[in-house]
Structures are given as structure tokens and as C-alpha cells.
Protein backbone atom coordinates (compact mmCIF):
# COMPACT_ATOMS: atom_id res chain seq x y z
CA MET A 1 2.84 3.65 -30.15
CA THR A 2 6.33 3.99 -29.35
CA LYS A 3 6.45 7.04 -27.03
CA VAL A 4 4.12 7.04 -23.96
CA LYS A 5 2.64 9.97 -22.60
CA VAL A 6 2.77 10.48 -19.10
CA MET A 7 1.96 13.17 -15.99
CA LEU A 8 3.13 12.53 -12.54
CA ALA A 9 0.24 14.21 -10.12
CA GLY A 10 2.29 14.63 -6.41
CA ILE A 11 5.48 15.32 -6.91
CA GLY A 12 6.47 15.26 -2.87
CA GLY A 13 6.40 12.53 -0.62
CA TYR A 14 6.23 9.01 -2.02
CA GLY A 15 5.73 11.09 -5.40
CA ASP A 16 9.46 11.68 -5.42
CA LEU A 17 9.96 8.25 -6.26
CA TYR A 18 7.91 8.36 -9.56
CA LEU A 19 9.86 11.79 -10.29
CA ARG A 20 13.43 10.30 -9.96
CA ARG A 21 12.34 7.29 -11.64
CA LEU A 22 10.88 9.22 -14.82
CA LEU A 23 13.71 11.95 -14.66
CA ASP A 24 16.02 8.96 -15.09
CA MET A 25 14.50 7.41 -18.05
CA LYS A 26 15.55 8.34 -21.83
CA ASP A 27 13.42 10.89 -23.18
CA GLU A 28 12.88 8.34 -26.45
CA GLU A 29 11.07 5.89 -23.38
CA VAL A 30 8.66 8.56 -22.36
CA SER A 31 7.09 12.18 -22.80
CA VAL A 32 6.71 13.50 -19.71
CA GLU A 33 3.49 15.97 -20.62
CA GLY A 34 3.78 17.77 -17.48
CA LEU A 35 3.39 17.37 -13.73
CA VAL A 36 0.49 18.25 -11.14
CA GLU A 37 1.38 20.04 -7.52
CA PRO A 38 -0.19 22.97 -5.52
CA PHE A 39 3.02 23.09 -3.59
CA PRO A 40 5.86 23.04 -5.72
CA GLN A 41 8.29 24.56 -3.67
CA SER A 42 8.63 21.03 -1.26
CA CYS A 43 10.42 19.22 -4.31
CA THR A 44 13.71 18.89 -4.24
CA ARG A 45 14.36 18.26 -7.86
CA LEU A 46 12.93 21.84 -9.12
CA ALA A 47 16.27 22.30 -10.96
CA GLU A 48 16.17 19.11 -12.83
CA ILE A 49 12.27 19.99 -13.58
CA GLU A 50 13.11 23.21 -15.32
CA THR A 51 16.31 21.57 -17.43
CA LYS A 52 13.80 19.12 -18.65
CA GLY A 53 11.18 21.79 -19.41
CA TRP A 54 8.42 20.10 -17.64
CA LYS A 55 5.55 21.94 -16.82
CA ILE A 56 4.02 22.10 -13.22
CA TYR A 57 0.20 22.37 -13.18
CA PRO A 58 -1.64 23.71 -9.78
CA THR A 59 -4.78 21.03 -10.14
CA LEU A 60 -5.47 18.30 -12.80
CA ASP A 61 -7.75 20.20 -14.35
CA GLU A 62 -5.34 23.25 -15.51
CA PHE A 63 -3.23 20.14 -16.86
CA TYR A 64 -6.14 18.63 -18.82
CA ALA A 65 -7.30 22.06 -20.23
CA GLU A 66 -3.87 21.99 -22.08
CA ARG A 67 -2.27 18.61 -22.47
CA SER A 68 -3.32 15.09 -22.55
CA CYS A 69 -1.92 11.89 -21.62
CA ASP A 70 -1.77 8.13 -22.11
CA VAL A 71 -0.79 7.27 -18.27
CA ALA A 72 -1.88 9.42 -15.18
CA VAL A 73 0.13 8.65 -12.37
CA ILE A 74 -1.58 9.66 -9.21
CA ALA A 75 0.50 9.81 -6.09
CA THR A 76 -1.64 12.10 -4.14
CA PRO A 77 -3.27 12.00 -0.53
CA ILE A 78 -5.99 9.40 -0.12
CA GLN A 79 -8.87 11.67 0.13
CA PHE A 80 -8.52 12.73 -3.73
CA HIS A 81 -7.78 9.17 -5.14
CA THR A 82 -11.16 8.80 -6.33
CA LYS A 83 -11.51 12.15 -7.64
CA HIS A 84 -8.00 12.50 -9.47
CA ILE A 85 -8.78 8.88 -10.86
CA LEU A 86 -12.07 9.58 -12.37
CA THR A 87 -10.71 12.82 -13.51
CA ALA A 88 -7.95 10.97 -15.43
CA LEU A 89 -10.32 8.28 -16.86
CA SER A 90 -13.05 11.21 -18.05
CA HIS A 91 -10.28 12.47 -20.37
CA GLY A 92 -9.22 9.57 -21.87
CA SER A 93 -6.12 8.36 -19.67
CA ASN A 94 -5.19 5.33 -18.26
CA VAL A 95 -4.24 5.39 -14.56
CA LEU A 96 -1.51 4.05 -12.29
CA CYS A 97 -2.91 5.32 -8.70
CA GLU A 98 -0.41 5.14 -5.30
CA LYS A 99 -2.13 2.96 -2.85
CA PRO A 100 -4.55 2.55 -1.20
CA LEU A 101 -7.22 2.91 -3.37
CA THR A 102 -9.90 4.89 -1.31
CA GLY A 103 -10.58 5.81 1.94
CA ASP A 104 -14.50 4.92 1.25
CA VAL A 105 -15.40 1.59 0.28
CA ARG A 106 -18.61 3.23 -1.49
CA ASP A 107 -16.04 4.59 -4.06
CA ILE A 108 -15.33 1.12 -5.66
CA GLU A 109 -18.30 0.57 -7.94
CA THR A 110 -17.84 3.77 -9.28
CA LEU A 111 -14.46 3.76 -9.91
CA THR A 112 -14.95 0.27 -11.69
CA GLU A 113 -17.98 1.59 -13.83
CA ALA A 114 -15.94 4.91 -14.66
CA ARG A 115 -13.15 2.48 -15.83
CA ASP A 116 -15.42 0.02 -17.97
CA LYS A 117 -16.90 3.15 -19.48
CA ALA A 118 -13.76 4.69 -20.61
CA GLY A 119 -12.17 1.71 -21.86
CA LYS A 120 -9.40 2.45 -20.11
CA PHE A 121 -7.04 0.36 -17.29
CA VAL A 122 -6.56 1.54 -13.31
CA MET A 123 -3.67 -0.11 -11.44
CA ILE A 124 -3.13 0.35 -8.21
CA GLY A 125 0.54 0.97 -6.61
CA PHE A 126 0.91 -1.55 -4.01
CA GLN A 127 4.49 -2.45 -5.28
CA TRP A 128 5.01 -5.95 -4.02
CA SER A 129 1.84 -7.17 -6.38
CA HIS A 130 4.17 -6.07 -9.45
CA SER A 131 7.78 -7.29 -8.04
CA LYS A 132 8.96 -10.73 -9.50
CA ALA A 133 9.37 -12.37 -6.44
CA ILE A 134 5.87 -11.91 -5.05
CA LEU A 135 4.47 -12.95 -8.49
CA ASP A 136 6.81 -15.72 -8.85
CA MET A 137 5.76 -16.56 -5.46
CA LYS A 138 2.54 -16.62 -6.05
CA LYS A 139 2.35 -18.62 -9.08
CA ASP A 140 3.92 -21.21 -7.10
CA VAL A 141 1.00 -20.62 -4.90
CA LEU A 142 -1.72 -21.01 -7.63
CA ALA A 143 -0.15 -23.90 -9.10
CA GLY A 144 -0.32 -26.20 -5.81
CA VAL A 145 2.98 -26.44 -4.78
CA TYR A 146 2.71 -25.61 -1.54
CA GLY A 147 -1.00 -27.13 -1.38
CA LYS A 148 -3.63 -25.64 0.70
CA PRO A 149 -2.93 -22.41 2.86
CA GLU A 150 -3.26 -22.55 6.59
CA PHE A 151 -1.92 -19.59 8.38
CA LEU A 152 -0.68 -16.34 7.02
CA LYS A 153 1.47 -13.99 9.64
CA THR A 154 3.05 -10.61 9.37
CA LEU A 155 4.67 -8.10 11.33
CA VAL A 156 5.92 -4.53 10.62
CA LEU A 157 7.16 -1.97 13.34
CA TRP A 158 7.95 1.11 11.98
CA PRO A 159 7.97 4.48 14.83
CA ARG A 160 6.56 7.33 13.35
CA ASN A 161 6.96 10.68 15.27
CA LYS A 162 5.06 14.00 15.63
CA ALA A 163 6.62 15.39 12.11
CA TYR A 164 4.94 12.34 10.12
CA TYR A 165 1.65 13.01 11.61
CA ASN A 166 2.04 16.93 10.91
CA ARG A 167 3.06 16.72 7.24
CA GLY A 168 1.52 18.31 4.24
CA SER A 169 -2.03 19.77 4.71
CA GLY A 170 -2.42 17.78 8.05
CA TRP A 171 -4.55 14.65 6.97
CA ALA A 172 -2.25 11.80 8.53
CA GLY A 173 -4.21 9.86 11.05
CA LYS A 174 -7.52 11.80 10.16
CA LEU A 175 -10.82 9.60 9.46
CA ARG A 176 -12.26 12.17 7.50
CA GLY A 177 -11.23 15.45 5.43
CA SER A 178 -12.36 18.99 6.54
CA ASP A 179 -14.95 18.18 3.26
CA GLY A 180 -16.19 15.00 4.88
CA THR A 181 -14.63 12.69 2.59
CA LEU A 182 -13.60 9.64 3.94
CA ILE A 183 -9.82 9.03 4.46
CA LEU A 184 -9.29 6.50 7.29
CA ASP A 185 -5.85 7.15 7.37
CA SER A 186 -4.06 4.58 9.53
CA VAL A 187 -1.15 2.20 10.20
CA ALA A 188 -2.73 -0.42 8.21
CA HIS A 189 -4.16 1.71 5.47
CA ASN A 190 -0.96 3.64 4.70
CA ALA A 191 2.74 2.91 5.46
CA THR A 192 2.18 -0.89 6.23
CA ALA A 193 -1.17 -1.17 4.23
CA HIS A 194 1.30 -3.36 1.53
CA TYR A 195 1.45 -6.11 3.96
CA LEU A 196 -2.22 -6.32 4.61
CA HIS A 197 -2.87 -6.60 1.33
CA ASN A 198 -0.44 -8.65 0.39
CA ILE A 199 -1.72 -11.29 2.91
CA PHE A 200 -5.48 -10.81 0.77
CA PHE A 201 -3.47 -10.75 -2.48
CA THR A 202 -1.33 -13.77 -1.98
CA LEU A 203 -4.63 -16.06 -1.15
CA GLY A 204 -6.41 -14.89 -4.32
CA GLY A 205 -7.79 -17.57 -6.68
CA ALA A 206 -5.90 -15.69 -9.78
CA LEU A 207 -2.44 -14.07 -10.66
CA ASN A 208 -4.34 -10.72 -10.41
CA GLU A 209 -6.63 -11.57 -7.61
CA SER A 210 -7.16 -10.73 -3.95
CA LEU A 211 -9.33 -12.92 -1.40
CA GLU A 212 -11.39 -10.84 1.17
CA PRO A 213 -11.88 -12.29 4.56
CA THR A 214 -15.47 -13.52 5.82
CA GLU A 215 -14.65 -13.10 9.21
CA MET A 216 -12.50 -10.50 11.12
CA LYS A 217 -11.47 -9.37 14.92
CA ALA A 218 -9.36 -6.71 15.49
CA GLU A 219 -7.91 -4.41 18.38
CA LEU A 220 -6.96 -1.41 17.59
CA LEU A 221 -4.97 1.17 19.73
CA ARG A 222 -3.67 4.39 19.79
CA ALA A 223 -0.82 6.56 21.60
CA ASN A 224 -0.59 9.51 19.57
CA PRO A 225 -2.93 12.42 19.37
CA ILE A 226 -4.89 11.50 16.42
CA GLU A 227 -8.30 10.66 15.26
CA ASN A 228 -7.25 6.87 13.77
CA PHE A 229 -5.35 4.02 15.49
CA ASP A 230 -1.95 3.76 15.29
CA THR A 231 -1.35 0.39 16.69
CA ALA A 232 -3.20 -2.65 14.89
CA LEU A 233 -3.66 -6.36 15.28
CA ILE A 234 -6.15 -7.79 12.80
CA SER A 235 -6.79 -11.24 12.77
CA CYS A 236 -8.75 -12.84 9.60
CA THR A 237 -10.70 -16.42 8.31
CA PHE A 238 -11.14 -16.84 4.59
CA LYS A 239 -13.27 -19.03 2.83
CA ASN A 240 -10.96 -21.55 2.33
CA GLY A 241 -10.11 -22.51 5.65
CA ALA A 242 -6.63 -20.00 5.79
CA LYS A 243 -6.24 -17.66 8.85
CA SER A 244 -4.18 -15.00 8.86
CA LEU A 245 -2.98 -12.49 11.51
CA TYR A 246 -1.19 -8.86 10.81
CA ILE A 247 0.30 -6.64 13.33
CA ALA A 248 1.84 -3.13 12.83
CA SER A 249 2.59 -0.11 15.14
CA HIS A 250 4.12 3.43 14.64
CA ALA A 251 3.61 3.81 18.36
CA ILE A 252 7.16 2.16 19.48
CA ASP A 253 10.71 2.83 19.91
CA LYS A 254 12.80 0.24 17.69
CA THR A 255 12.22 -0.49 14.14
CA LEU A 256 11.13 -3.89 13.28
CA ASN A 257 10.85 -4.08 9.16
CA PRO A 258 8.40 -6.53 7.49
CA VAL A 259 8.48 -10.09 8.40
CA PHE A 260 6.12 -12.88 7.11
CA GLU A 261 5.49 -16.42 7.80
CA TYR A 262 3.05 -17.90 5.49
CA ARG A 263 2.40 -21.66 6.08
CA PHE A 264 0.79 -24.12 3.92
CA GLU A 265 0.02 -28.04 4.24
CA LYS A 266 2.93 -28.90 1.81
CA GLY A 267 5.83 -26.06 3.46
CA VAL A 268 6.33 -22.53 4.22
CA ILE A 269 7.04 -19.43 2.79
CA THR A 270 9.08 -16.71 4.92
CA PHE A 271 10.54 -12.98 4.79
CA ASP A 272 12.91 -11.21 6.99
CA GLU A 273 14.19 -7.92 5.41
CA GLY A 274 16.59 -7.81 8.26
CA SER A 275 17.77 -10.93 7.36
CA GLY A 276 19.04 -11.27 3.71
CA LYS A 277 15.23 -9.37 2.27
CA ARG A 278 14.59 -12.67 0.29
CA ILE A 279 11.17 -14.53 0.33
CA VAL A 280 12.29 -18.20 0.80
CA GLY A 281 9.90 -21.29 0.18
CA LYS A 282 10.95 -24.18 2.00
CA LEU A 283 8.85 -27.71 1.51
CA ALA A 284 8.09 -30.87 3.43
CA ASP A 285 10.65 -32.69 1.07
CA GLY A 286 13.20 -30.42 1.69
CA SER A 287 13.42 -28.38 -1.48
CA VAL A 288 13.90 -24.45 -1.32
CA ARG A 289 12.82 -22.30 -3.80
CA ASP A 290 14.70 -18.53 -3.56
CA TYR A 291 11.96 -15.99 -4.91
CA GLY A 292 14.39 -12.62 -4.47
CA ASP A 293 14.01 -9.42 -2.77
CA PRO A 294 10.48 -7.98 -2.92
CA PHE A 295 12.04 -4.71 -2.82
CA ALA A 296 14.46 -5.16 -5.82
CA ASP A 297 11.97 -3.47 -8.43
CA GLN A 298 9.68 -1.16 -6.53
CA MET A 299 8.94 1.17 -9.12
CA ASN A 300 8.37 -2.05 -11.43
CA LYS A 301 4.55 -0.85 -11.52
CA LEU A 302 5.54 2.28 -13.62
CA ASP A 303 6.97 -0.02 -16.02
CA ILE A 304 4.37 -2.18 -16.24
CA ALA A 305 1.82 0.98 -16.81
CA ILE A 306 4.04 2.42 -19.63
CA ALA A 307 4.63 -1.37 -21.42
CA ASN A 308 0.51 -1.48 -21.04
CA ALA A 309 0.01 1.25 -22.24
CA LYS A 310 1.76 0.77 -25.71
CA GLY A 311 -1.01 -1.55 -26.65
CA GLY A 312 -0.93 -5.34 -27.22
CA GLU A 313 -1.82 -7.59 -24.30
CA GLN A 314 -2.40 -5.87 -21.10
CA PHE A 315 -0.96 -7.00 -17.56
CA ILE A 316 -2.84 -5.51 -14.87
CA PRO A 317 -1.41 -7.70 -11.56
CA CYS A 318 -3.53 -5.24 -8.89
CA GLY A 319 -6.67 -3.21 -10.12
CA ILE A 320 -9.55 -2.03 -8.38
CA GLU A 321 -11.23 -4.88 -7.84
CA THR A 322 -7.75 -6.33 -6.73
CA ALA A 323 -7.03 -3.40 -3.98
CA SER A 324 -10.59 -3.90 -2.81
CA ALA A 325 -10.23 -6.12 -0.14
CA GLU A 326 -7.89 -4.10 1.63
CA VAL A 327 -10.39 -1.37 1.75
CA CYS A 328 -13.29 -3.75 2.83
CA CYS A 329 -11.11 -4.79 5.78
CA VAL A 330 -10.27 -1.15 7.07
CA THR A 331 -13.70 -0.36 6.38
CA GLU A 332 -14.84 -3.27 8.93
CA CYS A 333 -12.03 -1.76 11.29
CA ALA A 334 -13.96 2.02 11.31
CA LYS A 335 -16.51 0.66 12.77
CA LEU A 336 -14.63 -0.98 15.83
CA PRO A 337 -13.84 1.22 18.85
CA ILE A 338 -10.17 2.47 19.62
CA VAL A 339 -8.39 1.90 22.80
CA ASN A 340 -6.01 4.67 24.08
CA PHE A 341 -2.85 3.42 25.54
CA SER A 342 -2.83 4.71 29.41
CA GLU A 343 -1.11 7.93 29.96
CA ASP A 344 1.65 6.07 32.41
CA LYS A 345 2.57 3.57 29.62
CA LYS A 346 3.40 6.67 27.13
CA ARG A 347 6.85 7.94 26.68
CA LEU A 348 8.08 10.67 24.67
CA GLY A 349 11.46 9.94 22.79
CA SER A 350 13.69 11.68 20.65
CA ASN A 351 12.51 13.85 17.89
CA GLU A 352 9.13 13.46 19.24
CA LEU A 353 8.49 10.27 19.21
CA THR A 354 5.57 8.96 20.90
CA TYR A 355 5.64 5.03 21.96
CA VAL A 356 4.08 3.01 24.73
CA GLU A 357 6.88 1.26 27.12
CA GLY A 358 7.19 -2.39 26.45
CA LEU A 359 4.98 -2.51 23.34
CA TYR A 360 7.37 -3.45 21.12
CA ASP A 361 7.98 -6.64 23.05
CA ALA A 362 4.67 -7.51 23.25
CA LEU A 363 3.40 -7.20 19.88
CA VAL A 364 7.02 -9.41 18.73
CA ASP A 365 5.56 -12.00 21.62
CA CYS A 366 1.76 -11.66 19.80
CA TYR A 367 3.40 -12.62 16.20
CA SER A 368 5.61 -15.45 17.75
CA GLY A 369 2.41 -16.93 19.54
CA GLU A 370 0.15 -16.26 17.02
CA HIS A 371 -2.29 -14.24 19.17
CA LEU A 372 -3.87 -10.93 20.16
CA LEU A 373 -2.95 -8.61 22.99
CA ALA A 374 -5.97 -9.55 24.80
CA ASP A 375 -5.43 -13.05 24.81
CA ALA A 376 -1.78 -12.56 26.39
CA GLY A 377 -3.66 -10.66 29.38
CA TYR A 378 -2.08 -7.33 28.05
CA GLN A 379 -3.73 -4.16 29.60
CA ALA A 380 -3.32 -1.21 27.22
């Protein structure tokens, strides 16, 4: 196979990044068989799509009624992931589906069985799991360069306003769709899911494995008028003795891009997007390993999917099983109560941003001190 046939479902939102990559690719590399989008008027690249002669179909079923593809790229809302993966597999397509895998942990077995029956691959688009920086880092972790993992922590503070929660068909922040399908959309299961998943991915026993926690406790809080939480602190313990702390919020007035510190018995690996955007490992012997920028190759997942479809030995850094640890974690979170921030702490900023006064500093302190809000006596 010299030219891989590709279909993209979802050309708005994050799907626009896939669309840009496909538009930039040479015609000799791929053949775009069609696009699927029920609301194409929201796409800013319609003129280029028309120039390319790519047909837009309202549904996946209508695409497959006319065409076929080697790789189905699915960038649709969470509640459609399972259905769309199953549809693509049933028509003989390999799949690259955006993160997260699903909102319903019960779908995992169904998806795995369908993949195996079809004899196709399913990749889940956690882009860090496909980046050279993360994969090189993990190879050293697996090789024992840093010794046993001890404590992994990460912090992401991304303000999100009213428009964010009202985008699309209104599924943001929802626990379920109108038909009852589990979504569990939240700060932990959408925008910053990468950084929760990356803890599990780093601890996995093989390059394409994640490690699910054995114990978990969490503080889940909400400032916005949504069903699910917009602020989360999740503390985990793992069977290998490691512990972790994930902190993320949309209900703050300042941005703090992803930072992490992964401590091991022989060294520490850090990342701070605000200063250098490079993953750096420092060993106890004084040596330093620079793994580079994990954001440098965000569309590497699409390139890997296309290469896999060409045949030969496949490389699936993040498949169904690998992405499942994050789904299991947010499923456990769904069993816990959500605490509403008190009205006297909430503020309305510019662009209709609801934020909690003082929360930014409190979460930074939690990250530095490696504790939950309650441990510091914080009252929501």
C-alpha cells in the first residue's frame, strides 16, 4: 500500500487540527476519502476543502454507504466515541480516535472485542503518548535509569468561560447526553485529561501500557453552573508503591500551563511549559537528560496511524487498554460528591469567566506542598 485512504469525522473544534494536517499533506501521502460533519458551516476551511474536492457527509453511515477508508480519524464529542469506533471497525477501518476513549467504562470490553474481531488497530489520541519526548523519557524510566518511581505530580490551571461550556451542542460539563449516554465531561476528562493520563502512562510496565491506581481519593469542586466538576485534586496510590497528585481547574482567573515533577529513587524528571517547554531529567549523579518539547509533534499520532496502515510492524503507543486507566479513574470520581464553591468566593471576570477568588494561589500551594485543599484547611 503506497497511499493510505483516510476519513476525518469532526472538522470543528480539535478536529480542525487534524484537518490542517491533512490539508498540508501531499496528495501522494494520503487520499482523503471524505469528511464527516453534521454542521460544516462552523468550519473555517471550507474553501480549501472545496478546492481539494473532498466531500462532506452528515453522518458516518452516509460516508460508509459510498466510500471506504484505511484509517478513520474520529474527532467527535465524547458521547459518540464508542459508537463511531464500532461503526468504523465494522466497515474494515483502522481507527485513530481523539481522547478520551469513552465516558462509559463498560464500553471498554465491547470496544476491545470489536477491535480484535475486526483485526484492526485502534489508537487513542493522547498526543503526549505519541510524542518523541515522552516516549524517550519513558524508555529511560523502563530501563531503570531513574530507579523506582516515588511521587508524580502535575498541575494545570486553564480558565474556561461561559462560551466554553456553551459550545457545540451543549454537552460540555455534562454527565450524560440527552439519550442517557455517559459523557462525564470535566476538567479531568477533557481539556487536561492528557496530564492525568500521562501519570498512568509513565508508570506503565511497557512502552504502550498504563498503570491503574489501586487507591484513589479526590476533591471535586464546582464554580460554574454545570453538572460535573470544573476543579479536581486527585491523589492516587499504585501497586508499585508510587503515589501521585493531579491538580487542575477551569475556575481560576490566571493561566498556568502544564507543569509536572516526577520523582524517582535515582533522580527527578520535570516539565514546565512556562520556562523552556522541555522535559528534563536530573539524576543523582549530576547528569542531565534533555528529552525536548512534548508539544513539538502534536500531530505525530496521525503520522503514526498512517504508517501503521501501510503495513509491516505496527506501533500503537496508546490503544484501548492504555487509555482505559484514565477512564477508570474518572469513573471512580463520578461516585464521589461534588462540592460547590460558596457564592461569596465566586467572581465574574471578563468574557463571562466565572472564577473563585484565591483559588489559583491555593492550588499552587497544594502542588508545592503536595496535599489536598482540605489538608490546608481550605473552605470552599
